[in-house]
Amino acid sequence: MLVKDELLIGGKGVSAGYFNNAEQTDQKFEKIDGEVFYHTGDIVEKQDSLLVYRDRKDSQVQIHGIRVELGDIRANISNIIDDPTRDIEVVFLLISHKLLLKVLYHLIYQPFRGFR
C-alpha cells in the first residue's frame, strides 16, 4: 500500500509492533481498516503495475537486518581520519537487491594544481 508515496507493508507476516517499545510502535505501525501496516520509510512511485524505489524518508539503511544511520558512519569515519581538511560523505546504492555502502571523501581545501 502507498500512503503519501511511502511504502506500507501489511498482512499476516507483519507484527503488531515493537516489543516493549510503544513509542517506536506508534511511529512505525498504523491500523488501516482494522489491519496493521508497517511504515517502511521507503519512498516509491507506482509505474504501471510496478513499484519503483525512489528514496528514503530518513538516512537510515538496513544492512543484514541491522539498522544503520549513515550519519553515524560518517561521524565515525571522520574520527578515524581526523583530518579537518577533508569532507566526508557516505552514500548508499541499491544494486541487484544488495545494499552497498560506498564511502566517498575528497579534499575541499586544497586548490586544484592541474595535470602534470
PDB file of N, CA and C in Angstrom:
ATOM      1  N   MET A   1       0.844  -1.172   0.000  1.00  0.00           N
ATOM      2  CA  MET A   1       0.000   0.000   0.000  1.00  0.00           C
ATOM      3  C   MET A   1       0.895   1.243   0.000  1.00  0.00           C
ATOM      4  N   LEU A   2       0.456   2.263  -0.701  1.00  0.00           N
ATOM      5  CA  LEU A   2       1.174   3.534  -0.721  1.00  0.00           C
ATOM      6  C   LEU A   2       0.370   4.601   0.012  1.00  0.00           C
ATOM      7  N   VAL A   3       1.036   5.318   0.914  1.00  0.00           N
ATOM      8  CA  VAL A   3       0.435   6.442   1.608  1.00  0.00           C
ATOM      9  C   VAL A   3       1.429   7.590   1.525  1.00  0.00           C
ATOM     10  N   LYS A   4       1.041   8.660   0.829  1.00  0.00           N
ATOM     11  CA  LYS A   4       1.920   9.818   0.605  1.00  0.00           C
ATOM     12  C   LYS A   4       3.272   9.370   0.044  1.00  0.00           C
ATOM     13  N   ASP A   5       3.237   8.490  -0.940  1.00  0.00           N
ATOM     14  CA  ASP A   5       4.410   7.946  -1.635  1.00  0.00           C
ATOM     15  C   ASP A   5       5.290   7.053  -0.771  1.00  0.00           C
ATOM     16  N   GLU A   6       4.897   6.758   0.470  1.00  0.00           N
ATOM     17  CA  GLU A   6       5.672   5.842   1.316  1.00  0.00           C
ATOM     18  C   GLU A   6       5.078   4.442   1.217  1.00  0.00           C
ATOM     19  N   LEU A   7       5.956   3.446   1.122  1.00  0.00           N
ATOM     20  CA  LEU A   7       5.535   2.051   1.059  1.00  0.00           C
ATOM     21  C   LEU A   7       5.172   1.551   2.450  1.00  0.00           C
ATOM     22  N   LEU A   8       3.943   1.043   2.589  1.00  0.00           N
ATOM     23  CA  LEU A   8       3.488   0.410   3.819  1.00  0.00           C
ATOM     24  C   LEU A   8       3.301  -1.072   3.538  1.00  0.00           C
ATOM     25  N   ILE A   9       3.685  -1.899   4.501  1.00  0.00           N
ATOM     26  CA  ILE A   9       3.574  -3.345   4.340  1.00  0.00           C
ATOM     27  C   ILE A   9       2.581  -3.872   5.362  1.00  0.00           C
ATOM     28  N   GLY A  10       1.662  -4.697   4.907  1.00  0.00           N
ATOM     29  CA  GLY A  10       0.667  -5.296   5.788  1.00  0.00           C
ATOM     30  C   GLY A  10       0.530  -6.773   5.486  1.00  0.00           C
ATOM     31  N   GLY A  11      -0.277  -7.453   6.278  1.00  0.00           N
ATOM     32  CA  GLY A  11      -0.520  -8.878   6.043  1.00  0.00           C
ATOM     33  C   GLY A  11      -0.165  -9.723   7.248  1.00  0.00           C
ATOM     34  N   LYS A  12      -0.244 -11.023   7.066  1.00  0.00           N
ATOM     35  CA  LYS A  12      -0.039 -11.964   8.173  1.00  0.00           C
ATOM     36  C   LYS A  12       1.370 -11.926   8.756  1.00  0.00           C
ATOM     37  N   GLY A  13       2.364 -11.566   7.963  1.00  0.00           N
ATOM     38  CA  GLY A  13       3.748 -11.565   8.449  1.00  0.00           C
ATOM     39  C   GLY A  13       4.152 -10.318   9.206  1.00  0.00           C
ATOM     40  N   VAL A  14       3.273  -9.332   9.287  1.00  0.00           N
ATOM     41  CA  VAL A  14       3.609  -8.075   9.962  1.00  0.00           C
ATOM     42  C   VAL A  14       3.204  -8.177  11.427  1.00  0.00           C
ATOM     43  N   SER A  15       4.140  -7.815  12.311  1.00  0.00           N
ATOM     44  CA  SER A  15       3.848  -7.889  13.747  1.00  0.00           C
ATOM     45  C   SER A  15       2.923  -6.751  14.155  1.00  0.00           C
ATOM     46  N   ALA A  16       2.487  -6.792  15.388  1.00  0.00           N
ATOM     47  CA  ALA A  16       1.614  -5.743  15.911  1.00  0.00           C
ATOM     48  C   ALA A  16       2.425  -4.543  16.392  1.00  0.00           C
ATOM     49  N   GLY A  17       3.747  -4.673  16.426  1.00  0.00           N
ATOM     50  CA  GLY A  17       4.584  -3.565  16.871  1.00  0.00           C
ATOM     51  C   GLY A  17       5.896  -4.043  17.442  1.00  0.00           C
ATOM     52  N   TYR A  18       6.660  -3.094  17.963  1.00  0.00           N
ATOM     53  CA  TYR A  18       7.953  -3.401  18.584  1.00  0.00           C
ATOM     54  C   TYR A  18       7.742  -3.890  20.014  1.00  0.00           C
ATOM     55  N   PHE A  19       8.523  -4.854  20.436  1.00  0.00           N
ATOM     56  CA  PHE A  19       8.432  -5.422  21.771  1.00  0.00           C
ATOM     57  C   PHE A  19       8.881  -4.394  22.803  1.00  0.00           C
ATOM     58  N   ASN A  20       8.013  -4.087  23.757  1.00  0.00           N
ATOM     59  CA  ASN A  20       8.305  -3.156  24.851  1.00  0.00           C
ATOM     60  C   ASN A  20       8.766  -1.775  24.381  1.00  0.00           C
ATOM     61  N   ASN A  21       8.256  -1.321  23.234  1.00  0.00           N
ATOM     62  CA  ASN A  21       8.638  -0.003  22.743  1.00  0.00           C
ATOM     63  C   ASN A  21       7.412   0.657  22.096  1.00  0.00           C
ATOM     64  N   ALA A  22       6.537   1.157  22.936  1.00  0.00           N
ATOM     65  CA  ALA A  22       5.279   1.741  22.461  1.00  0.00           C
ATOM     66  C   ALA A  22       5.518   2.976  21.601  1.00  0.00           C
ATOM     67  N   GLU A  23       6.516   3.774  21.946  1.00  0.00           N
ATOM     68  CA  GLU A  23       6.797   4.993  21.183  1.00  0.00           C
ATOM     69  C   GLU A  23       7.206   4.662  19.738  1.00  0.00           C
ATOM     70  N   GLN A  24       8.116   3.717  19.588  1.00  0.00           N
ATOM     71  CA  GLN A  24       8.552   3.296  18.246  1.00  0.00           C
ATOM     72  C   GLN A  24       7.394   2.635  17.488  1.00  0.00           C
ATOM     73  N   THR A  25       6.590   1.866  18.187  1.00  0.00           N
ATOM     74  CA  THR A  25       5.423   1.224  17.570  1.00  0.00           C
ATOM     75  C   THR A  25       4.456   2.276  17.028  1.00  0.00           C
ATOM     76  N   ASP A  26       4.209   3.311  17.822  1.00  0.00           N
ATOM     77  CA  ASP A  26       3.294   4.369  17.381  1.00  0.00           C
ATOM     78  C   ASP A  26       3.823   5.101  16.152  1.00  0.00           C
ATOM     79  N   GLN A  27       5.143   5.216  16.038  1.00  0.00           N
ATOM     80  CA  GLN A  27       5.749   5.910  14.897  1.00  0.00           C
ATOM     81  C   GLN A  27       5.738   5.073  13.624  1.00  0.00           C
ATOM     82  N   LYS A  28       5.913   3.754  13.741  1.00  0.00           N
ATOM     83  CA  LYS A  28       6.143   2.919  12.563  1.00  0.00           C
ATOM     84  C   LYS A  28       4.973   2.028  12.154  1.00  0.00           C
ATOM     85  N   PHE A  29       4.004   1.842  13.038  1.00  0.00           N
ATOM     86  CA  PHE A  29       2.879   0.959  12.731  1.00  0.00           C
ATOM     87  C   PHE A  29       1.580   1.757  12.736  1.00  0.00           C
ATOM     88  N   GLU A  30       0.669   1.361  11.848  1.00  0.00           N
ATOM     89  CA  GLU A  30      -0.606   2.065  11.730  1.00  0.00           C
ATOM     90  C   GLU A  30      -1.701   1.060  11.399  1.00  0.00           C
ATOM     91  N   LYS A  31      -2.854   1.226  12.036  1.00  0.00           N
ATOM     92  CA  LYS A  31      -4.013   0.396  11.703  1.00  0.00           C
ATOM     93  C   LYS A  31      -4.832   1.103  10.647  1.00  0.00           C
ATOM     94  N   ILE A  32      -5.077   0.401   9.550  1.00  0.00           N
ATOM     95  CA  ILE A  32      -5.909   0.917   8.470  1.00  0.00           C
ATOM     96  C   ILE A  32      -6.985  -0.126   8.193  1.00  0.00           C
ATOM     97  N   ASP A  33      -8.239   0.259   8.358  1.00  0.00           N
ATOM     98  CA  ASP A  33      -9.375  -0.658   8.172  1.00  0.00           C
ATOM     99  C   ASP A  33      -9.198  -1.943   8.974  1.00  0.00           C
ATOM    100  N   GLY A  34      -8.690  -1.815  10.206  1.00  0.00           N
ATOM    101  CA  GLY A  34      -8.548  -2.966  11.093  1.00  0.00           C
ATOM    102  C   GLY A  34      -7.302  -3.806  10.855  1.00  0.00           C
ATOM    103  N   GLU A  35      -6.510  -3.490   9.862  1.00  0.00           N
ATOM    104  CA  GLU A  35      -5.292  -4.253   9.566  1.00  0.00           C
ATOM    105  C   GLU A  35      -4.058  -3.426   9.908  1.00  0.00           C
ATOM    106  N   VAL A  36      -3.038  -4.085  10.487  1.00  0.00           N
ATOM    107  CA  VAL A  36      -1.811  -3.406  10.893  1.00  0.00           C
ATOM    108  C   VAL A  36      -0.874  -3.282   9.694  1.00  0.00           C
ATOM    109  N   PHE A  37      -0.355  -2.071   9.489  1.00  0.00           N
ATOM    110  CA  PHE A  37       0.616  -1.811   8.419  1.00  0.00           C
ATOM    111  C   PHE A  37       1.882  -1.212   9.025  1.00  0.00           C
ATOM    112  N   TYR A  38       3.015  -1.582   8.445  1.00  0.00           N
ATOM    113  CA  TYR A  38       4.320  -1.083   8.872  1.00  0.00           C
ATOM    114  C   TYR A  38       4.803  -0.024   7.893  1.00  0.00           C
ATOM    115  N   HIS A  39       5.191   1.133   8.403  1.00  0.00           N
ATOM    116  CA  HIS A  39       5.767   2.202   7.580  1.00  0.00           C
ATOM    117  C   HIS A  39       7.233   1.873   7.324  1.00  0.00           C
ATOM    118  N   THR A  40       7.585   1.588   6.077  1.00  0.00           N
ATOM    119  CA  THR A  40       8.948   1.171   5.743  1.00  0.00           C
ATOM    120  C   THR A  40       9.935   2.333   5.689  1.00  0.00           C
ATOM    121  N   GLY A  41       9.445   3.537   5.412  1.00  0.00           N
ATOM    122  CA  GLY A  41      10.348   4.667   5.228  1.00  0.00           C
ATOM    123  C   GLY A  41      10.850   4.777   3.798  1.00  0.00           C
ATOM    124  N   ASP A  42      10.466   3.820   2.951  1.00  0.00           N
ATOM    125  CA  ASP A  42      10.864   3.833   1.545  1.00  0.00           C
ATOM    126  C   ASP A  42       9.880   4.661   0.735  1.00  0.00           C
ATOM    127  N   ILE A  43      10.391   5.590  -0.048  1.00  0.00           N
ATOM    128  CA  ILE A  43       9.565   6.390  -0.948  1.00  0.00           C
ATOM    129  C   ILE A  43       9.558   5.691  -2.301  1.00  0.00           C
ATOM    130  N   VAL A  44       8.381   5.349  -2.772  1.00  0.00           N
ATOM    131  CA  VAL A  44       8.251   4.617  -4.029  1.00  0.00           C
ATOM    132  C   VAL A  44       7.255   5.318  -4.941  1.00  0.00           C
ATOM    133  N   GLU A  45       7.319   4.950  -6.186  1.00  0.00           N
ATOM    134  CA  GLU A  45       6.417   5.512  -7.188  1.00  0.00           C
ATOM    135  C   GLU A  45       5.811   4.349  -7.958  1.00  0.00           C
ATOM    136  N   LYS A  46       4.531   4.425  -8.208  1.00  0.00           N
ATOM    137  CA  LYS A  46       3.871   3.369  -8.977  1.00  0.00           C
ATOM    138  C   LYS A  46       3.946   3.704 -10.463  1.00  0.00           C
ATOM    139  N   GLN A  47       4.541   2.789 -11.225  1.00  0.00           N
ATOM    140  CA  GLN A  47       4.628   2.932 -12.674  1.00  0.00           C
ATOM    141  C   GLN A  47       4.012   1.679 -13.287  1.00  0.00           C
ATOM    142  N   ASP A  48       2.878   1.865 -13.938  1.00  0.00           N
ATOM    143  CA  ASP A  48       2.093   0.741 -14.455  1.00  0.00           C
ATOM    144  C   ASP A  48       1.785  -0.190 -13.296  1.00  0.00           C
ATOM    145  N   SER A  49       2.239  -1.435 -13.337  1.00  0.00           N
ATOM    146  CA  SER A  49       1.957  -2.367 -12.241  1.00  0.00           C
ATOM    147  C   SER A  49       3.175  -2.569 -11.342  1.00  0.00           C
ATOM    148  N   LEU A  50       4.200  -1.718 -11.484  1.00  0.00           N
ATOM    149  CA  LEU A  50       5.434  -1.854 -10.713  1.00  0.00           C
ATOM    150  C   LEU A  50       5.567  -0.743  -9.676  1.00  0.00           C
ATOM    151  N   LEU A  51       6.234  -1.068  -8.570  1.00  0.00           N
ATOM    152  CA  LEU A  51       6.612  -0.064  -7.594  1.00  0.00           C
ATOM    153  C   LEU A  51       8.099   0.213  -7.791  1.00  0.00           C
ATOM    154  N   VAL A  52       8.451   1.463  -7.995  1.00  0.00           N
ATOM    155  CA  VAL A  52       9.830   1.845  -8.265  1.00  0.00           C
ATOM    156  C   VAL A  52      10.361   2.612  -7.055  1.00  0.00           C
ATOM    157  N   TYR A  53      11.461   2.115  -6.487  1.00  0.00           N
ATOM    158  CA  TYR A  53      12.090   2.752  -5.342  1.00  0.00           C
ATOM    159  C   TYR A  53      12.675   4.098  -5.761  1.00  0.00           C
ATOM    160  N   ARG A  54      12.432   5.149  -4.956  1.00  0.00           N
ATOM    161  CA  ARG A  54      12.935   6.490  -5.274  1.00  0.00           C
ATOM    162  C   ARG A  54      13.874   7.034  -4.208  1.00  0.00           C
ATOM    163  N   ASP A  55      13.556   6.813  -2.926  1.00  0.00           N
ATOM    164  CA  ASP A  55      14.337   7.471  -1.877  1.00  0.00           C
ATOM    165  C   ASP A  55      13.945   6.911  -0.516  1.00  0.00           C
ATOM    166  N   ARG A  56      14.546   7.469   0.527  1.00  0.00           N
ATOM    167  CA  ARG A  56      14.189   7.166   1.904  1.00  0.00           C
ATOM    168  C   ARG A  56      13.665   8.426   2.565  1.00  0.00           C
ATOM    169  N   LYS A  57      12.805   8.262   3.559  1.00  0.00           N
ATOM    170  CA  LYS A  57      12.329   9.405   4.335  1.00  0.00           C
ATOM    171  C   LYS A  57      13.402   9.894   5.300  1.00  0.00           C
ATOM    172  N   ASP A  58      14.338   9.015   5.638  1.00  0.00           N
ATOM    173  CA  ASP A  58      15.413   9.356   6.565  1.00  0.00           C
ATOM    174  C   ASP A  58      16.735   8.878   5.977  1.00  0.00           C
ATOM    175  N   SER A  59      17.789   8.933   6.742  1.00  0.00           N
ATOM    176  CA  SER A  59      19.089   8.475   6.239  1.00  0.00           C
ATOM    177  C   SER A  59      19.442   7.111   6.815  1.00  0.00           C
ATOM    178  N   GLN A  60      18.443   6.358   7.202  1.00  0.00           N
ATOM    179  CA  GLN A  60      18.648   5.052   7.801  1.00  0.00           C
ATOM    180  C   GLN A  60      18.615   3.970   6.732  1.00  0.00           C
ATOM    181  N   VAL A  61      19.566   3.045   6.820  1.00  0.00           N
ATOM    182  CA  VAL A  61      19.590   1.905   5.909  1.00  0.00           C
ATOM    183  C   VAL A  61      19.669   0.626   6.743  1.00  0.00           C
ATOM    184  N   GLN A  62      19.393  -0.481   6.110  1.00  0.00           N
ATOM    185  CA  GLN A  62      19.441  -1.762   6.805  1.00  0.00           C
ATOM    186  C   GLN A  62      20.466  -2.647   6.120  1.00  0.00           C
ATOM    187  N   ILE A  63      21.424  -3.136   6.898  1.00  0.00           N
ATOM    188  CA  ILE A  63      22.472  -3.995   6.380  1.00  0.00           C
ATOM    189  C   ILE A  63      22.405  -5.312   7.146  1.00  0.00           C
ATOM    190  N   HIS A  64      22.081  -6.383   6.457  1.00  0.00           N
ATOM    191  CA  HIS A  64      21.952  -7.710   7.077  1.00  0.00           C
ATOM    192  C   HIS A  64      21.054  -7.667   8.312  1.00  0.00           C
ATOM    193  N   GLY A  65      19.947  -6.933   8.217  1.00  0.00           N
ATOM    194  CA  GLY A  65      18.970  -6.891   9.290  1.00  0.00           C
ATOM    195  C   GLY A  65      19.267  -5.889  10.395  1.00  0.00           C
ATOM    196  N   ILE A  66      20.382  -5.186  10.303  1.00  0.00           N
ATOM    197  CA  ILE A  66      20.749  -4.204  11.328  1.00  0.00           C
ATOM    198  C   ILE A  66      20.538  -2.804  10.763  1.00  0.00           C
ATOM    199  N   ARG A  67      19.801  -1.986  11.480  1.00  0.00           N
ATOM    200  CA  ARG A  67      19.544  -0.618  11.036  1.00  0.00           C
ATOM    201  C   ARG A  67      20.748   0.254  11.349  1.00  0.00           C
ATOM    202  N   VAL A  68      21.153   1.038  10.358  1.00  0.00           N
ATOM    203  CA  VAL A  68      22.342   1.872  10.490  1.00  0.00           C
ATOM    204  C   VAL A  68      22.008   3.282  10.010  1.00  0.00           C
ATOM    205  N   GLU A  69      22.429   4.274  10.766  1.00  0.00           N
ATOM    206  CA  GLU A  69      22.296   5.677  10.356  1.00  0.00           C
ATOM    207  C   GLU A  69      23.557   6.066   9.590  1.00  0.00           C
ATOM    208  N   LEU A  70      23.390   6.576   8.366  1.00  0.00           N
ATOM    209  CA  LEU A  70      24.548   6.972   7.574  1.00  0.00           C
ATOM    210  C   LEU A  70      25.330   8.083   8.266  1.00  0.00           C
ATOM    211  N   GLY A  71      24.648   8.934   9.018  1.00  0.00           N
ATOM    212  CA  GLY A  71      25.338   9.992   9.760  1.00  0.00           C
ATOM    213  C   GLY A  71      26.274   9.439  10.826  1.00  0.00           C
ATOM    214  N   ASP A  72      25.892   8.311  11.450  1.00  0.00           N
ATOM    215  CA  ASP A  72      26.773   7.682  12.438  1.00  0.00           C
ATOM    216  C   ASP A  72      28.035   7.138  11.778  1.00  0.00           C
ATOM    217  N   ILE A  73      27.874   6.551  10.593  1.00  0.00           N
ATOM    218  CA  ILE A  73      29.037   6.041   9.858  1.00  0.00           C
ATOM    219  C   ILE A  73      29.956   7.203   9.508  1.00  0.00           C
ATOM    220  N   ARG A  74      29.364   8.287   9.031  1.00  0.00           N
ATOM    221  CA  ARG A  74      30.148   9.476   8.660  1.00  0.00           C
ATOM    222  C   ARG A  74      30.932  10.003   9.856  1.00  0.00           C
ATOM    223  N   ALA A  75      30.293  10.111  11.004  1.00  0.00           N
ATOM    224  CA  ALA A  75      30.950  10.634  12.207  1.00  0.00           C
ATOM    225  C   ALA A  75      32.112   9.742  12.631  1.00  0.00           C
ATOM    226  N   ASN A  76      31.922   8.424  12.571  1.00  0.00           N
ATOM    227  CA  ASN A  76      32.991   7.500  12.967  1.00  0.00           C
ATOM    228  C   ASN A  76      34.163   7.551  12.001  1.00  0.00           C
ATOM    229  N   ILE A  77      33.883   7.642  10.706  1.00  0.00           N
ATOM    230  CA  ILE A  77      34.968   7.747   9.730  1.00  0.00           C
ATOM    231  C   ILE A  77      35.722   9.061   9.930  1.00  0.00           C
ATOM    232  N   SER A  78      34.997  10.142  10.214  1.00  0.00           N
ATOM    233  CA  SER A  78      35.643  11.431  10.479  1.00  0.00           C
ATOM    234  C   SER A  78      36.587  11.335  11.672  1.00  0.00           C
ATOM    235  N   ASN A  79      36.166  10.613  12.708  1.00  0.00           N
ATOM    236  CA  ASN A  79      37.022  10.427  13.883  1.00  0.00           C
ATOM    237  C   ASN A  79      38.273   9.622  13.548  1.00  0.00           C
ATOM    238  N   ILE A  80      38.129   8.621  12.687  1.00  0.00           N
ATOM    239  CA  ILE A  80      39.274   7.786  12.317  1.00  0.00           C
ATOM    240  C   ILE A  80      40.256   8.580  11.461  1.00  0.00           C
ATOM    241  N   ILE A  81      39.743   9.275  10.456  1.00  0.00           N
ATOM    242  CA  ILE A  81      40.613  10.039   9.558  1.00  0.00           C
ATOM    243  C   ILE A  81      41.213  11.236  10.289  1.00  0.00           C
ATOM    244  N   ASP A  82      40.417  11.905  11.114  1.00  0.00           N
ATOM    245  CA  ASP A  82      40.862  13.024  11.933  1.00  0.00           C
ATOM    246  C   ASP A  82      41.648  14.059  11.122  1.00  0.00           C
ATOM    247  N   ASP A  83      41.065  14.483  10.023  1.00  0.00           N
ATOM    248  CA  ASP A  83      41.698  15.476   9.154  1.00  0.00           C
ATOM    249  C   ASP A  83      40.650  16.523   8.786  1.00  0.00           C
ATOM    250  N   PRO A  84      40.708  17.713   9.411  1.00  0.00           N
ATOM    251  CA  PRO A  84      39.678  18.724   9.159  1.00  0.00           C
ATOM    252  C   PRO A  84      39.681  19.280   7.738  1.00  0.00           C
ATOM    253  N   THR A  85      40.712  18.969   6.947  1.00  0.00           N
ATOM    254  CA  THR A  85      40.739  19.461   5.568  1.00  0.00           C
ATOM    255  C   THR A  85      39.947  18.565   4.629  1.00  0.00           C
ATOM    256  N   ARG A  86      39.420  17.477   5.140  1.00  0.00           N
ATOM    257  CA  ARG A  86      38.655  16.551   4.308  1.00  0.00           C
ATOM    258  C   ARG A  86      37.181  16.630   4.653  1.00  0.00           C
ATOM    259  N   ASP A  87      36.366  16.581   3.623  1.00  0.00           N
ATOM    260  CA  ASP A  87      34.930  16.488   3.816  1.00  0.00           C
ATOM    261  C   ASP A  87      34.546  15.065   3.462  1.00  0.00           C
ATOM    262  N   ILE A  88      33.749  14.438   4.283  1.00  0.00           N
ATOM    263  CA  ILE A  88      33.403  13.028   4.100  1.00  0.00           C
ATOM    264  C   ILE A  88      31.919  12.916   3.831  1.00  0.00           C
ATOM    265  N   GLU A  89      31.573  12.110   2.845  1.00  0.00           N
ATOM    266  CA  GLU A  89      30.165  11.856   2.547  1.00  0.00           C
ATOM    267  C   GLU A  89      29.969  10.356   2.440  1.00  0.00           C
ATOM    268  N   VAL A  90      28.894   9.868   3.021  1.00  0.00           N
ATOM    269  CA  VAL A  90      28.557   8.444   2.976  1.00  0.00           C
ATOM    270  C   VAL A  90      27.247   8.317   2.212  1.00  0.00           C
ATOM    271  N   VAL A  91      27.245   7.487   1.174  1.00  0.00           N
ATOM    272  CA  VAL A  91      26.046   7.278   0.378  1.00  0.00           C
ATOM    273  C   VAL A  91      25.775   5.793   0.280  1.00  0.00           C
ATOM    274  N   PHE A  92      24.541   5.435  -0.030  1.00  0.00           N
ATOM    275  CA  PHE A  92      24.231   4.033  -0.255  1.00  0.00           C
ATOM    276  C   PHE A  92      23.648   3.870  -1.639  1.00  0.00           C
ATOM    277  N   LEU A  93      23.919   2.706  -2.214  1.00  0.00           N
ATOM    278  CA  LEU A  93      23.439   2.379  -3.543  1.00  0.00           C
ATOM    279  C   LEU A  93      22.715   1.049  -3.494  1.00  0.00           C
ATOM    280  N   LEU A  94      21.595   0.954  -4.162  1.00  0.00           N
ATOM    281  CA  LEU A  94      20.904  -0.327  -4.286  1.00  0.00           C
ATOM    282  C   LEU A  94      21.219  -0.894  -5.659  1.00  0.00           C
ATOM    283  N   ILE A  95      21.943  -1.982  -5.676  1.00  0.00           N
ATOM    284  CA  ILE A  95      22.320  -2.612  -6.930  1.00  0.00           C
ATOM    285  C   ILE A  95      22.014  -4.103  -6.814  1.00  0.00           C
ATOM    286  N   SER A  96      21.219  -4.614  -7.717  1.00  0.00           N
ATOM    287  CA  SER A  96      20.863  -6.039  -7.741  1.00  0.00           C
ATOM    288  C   SER A  96      20.377  -6.530  -6.384  1.00  0.00           C
ATOM    289  N   HIS A  97      19.520  -5.736  -5.751  1.00  0.00           N
ATOM    290  CA  HIS A  97      18.913  -6.101  -4.467  1.00  0.00           C
ATOM    291  C   HIS A  97      19.927  -6.239  -3.337  1.00  0.00           C
ATOM    292  N   LYS A  98      21.102  -5.708  -3.509  1.00  0.00           N
ATOM    293  CA  LYS A  98      22.100  -5.728  -2.438  1.00  0.00           C
ATOM    294  C   LYS A  98      22.418  -4.288  -2.060  1.00  0.00           C
ATOM    295  N   LEU A  99      22.557  -4.066  -0.786  1.00  0.00           N
ATOM    296  CA  LEU A  99      22.887  -2.736  -0.320  1.00  0.00           C
ATOM    297  C   LEU A  99      24.394  -2.598  -0.235  1.00  0.00           C
ATOM    298  N   LEU A 100      24.925  -1.634  -0.933  1.00  0.00           N
ATOM    299  CA  LEU A 100      26.360  -1.389  -0.900  1.00  0.00           C
ATOM    300  C   LEU A 100      26.610  -0.032  -0.260  1.00  0.00           C
ATOM    301  N   LEU A 101      27.507   0.001   0.684  1.00  0.00           N
ATOM    302  CA  LEU A 101      27.914   1.278   1.250  1.00  0.00           C
ATOM    303  C   LEU A 101      29.192   1.697   0.550  1.00  0.00           C
ATOM    304  N   LYS A 102      29.177   2.893   0.077  1.00  0.00           N
ATOM    305  CA  LYS A 102      30.371   3.403  -0.568  1.00  0.00           C
ATOM    306  C   LYS A 102      30.764   4.684   0.160  1.00  0.00           C
ATOM    307  N   VAL A 103      31.959   4.703   0.652  1.00  0.00           N
ATOM    308  CA  VAL A 103      32.425   5.856   1.391  1.00  0.00           C
ATOM    309  C   VAL A 103      33.245   6.732   0.451  1.00  0.00           C
ATOM    310  N   LEU A 104      32.808   7.966   0.327  1.00  0.00           N
ATOM    311  CA  LEU A 104      33.488   8.911  -0.533  1.00  0.00           C
ATOM    312  C   LEU A 104      34.038  10.044   0.314  1.00  0.00           C
ATOM    313  N   TYR A 105      35.275  10.334   0.121  1.00  0.00           N
ATOM    314  CA  TYR A 105      35.777  11.546   0.757  1.00  0.00           C
ATOM    315  C   TYR A 105      36.682  12.264  -0.227  1.00  0.00           C
ATOM    316  N   HIS A 106      36.732  13.514  -0.108  1.00  0.00           N
ATOM    317  CA  HIS A 106      37.532  14.289  -1.034  1.00  0.00           C
ATOM    318  C   HIS A 106      38.095  15.513  -0.328  1.00  0.00           C
ATOM    319  N   LEU A 107      39.161  16.040  -0.867  1.00  0.00           N
ATOM    320  CA  LEU A 107      39.761  17.244  -0.314  1.00  0.00           C
ATOM    321  C   LEU A 107      38.974  18.450  -0.802  1.00  0.00           C
ATOM    322  N   ILE A 108      38.627  19.332   0.115  1.00  0.00           N
ATOM    323  CA  ILE A 108      37.882  20.508  -0.312  1.00  0.00           C
ATOM    324  C   ILE A 108      38.678  21.798  -0.104  1.00  0.00           C
ATOM    325  N   TYR A 109      39.753  21.726   0.656  1.00  0.00           N
ATOM    326  CA  TYR A 109      40.506  22.941   0.947  1.00  0.00           C
ATOM    327  C   TYR A 109      41.809  23.057   0.161  1.00  0.00           C
ATOM    328  N   GLN A 110      42.139  22.056  -0.628  1.00  0.00           N
ATOM    329  CA  GLN A 110      43.375  22.129  -1.403  1.00  0.00           C
ATOM    330  C   GLN A 110      43.035  22.526  -2.827  1.00  0.00           C
ATOM    331  N   PRO A 111      43.659  23.572  -3.339  1.00  0.00           N
ATOM    332  CA  PRO A 111      43.356  24.024  -4.698  1.00  0.00           C
ATOM    333  C   PRO A 111      43.816  23.013  -5.740  1.00  0.00           C
ATOM    334  N   PHE A 112      43.119  23.011  -6.853  1.00  0.00           N
ATOM    335  CA  PHE A 112      43.485  22.141  -7.977  1.00  0.00           C
ATOM    336  C   PHE A 112      44.799  22.657  -8.565  1.00  0.00           C
ATOM    337  N   ARG A 113      45.772  21.782  -8.727  1.00  0.00           N
ATOM    338  CA  ARG A 113      47.086  22.193  -9.193  1.00  0.00           C
ATOM    339  C   ARG A 113      47.333  21.837 -10.649  1.00  0.00           C
ATOM    340  N   GLY A 114      46.330  21.316 -11.310  1.00  0.00           N
ATOM    341  CA  GLY A 114      46.483  20.999 -12.734  1.00  0.00           C
ATOM    342  C   GLY A 114      47.092  19.628 -12.944  1.00  0.00           C
ATOM    343  N   PHE A 115      47.191  19.253 -14.211  1.00  0.00           N
ATOM    344  CA  PHE A 115      47.751  17.955 -14.578  1.00  0.00           C
ATOM    345  C   PHE A 115      49.240  18.081 -14.792  1.00  0.00           C
ATOM    346  N   ARG A 116      49.974  17.063 -14.428  1.00  0.00           N
ATOM    347  CA  ARG A 116      51.428  17.062 -14.627  1.00  0.00           C
ATOM    348  C   ARG A 116      51.847  15.917 -15.501  1.00  0.00           C
TER     349      ARG A 116
END
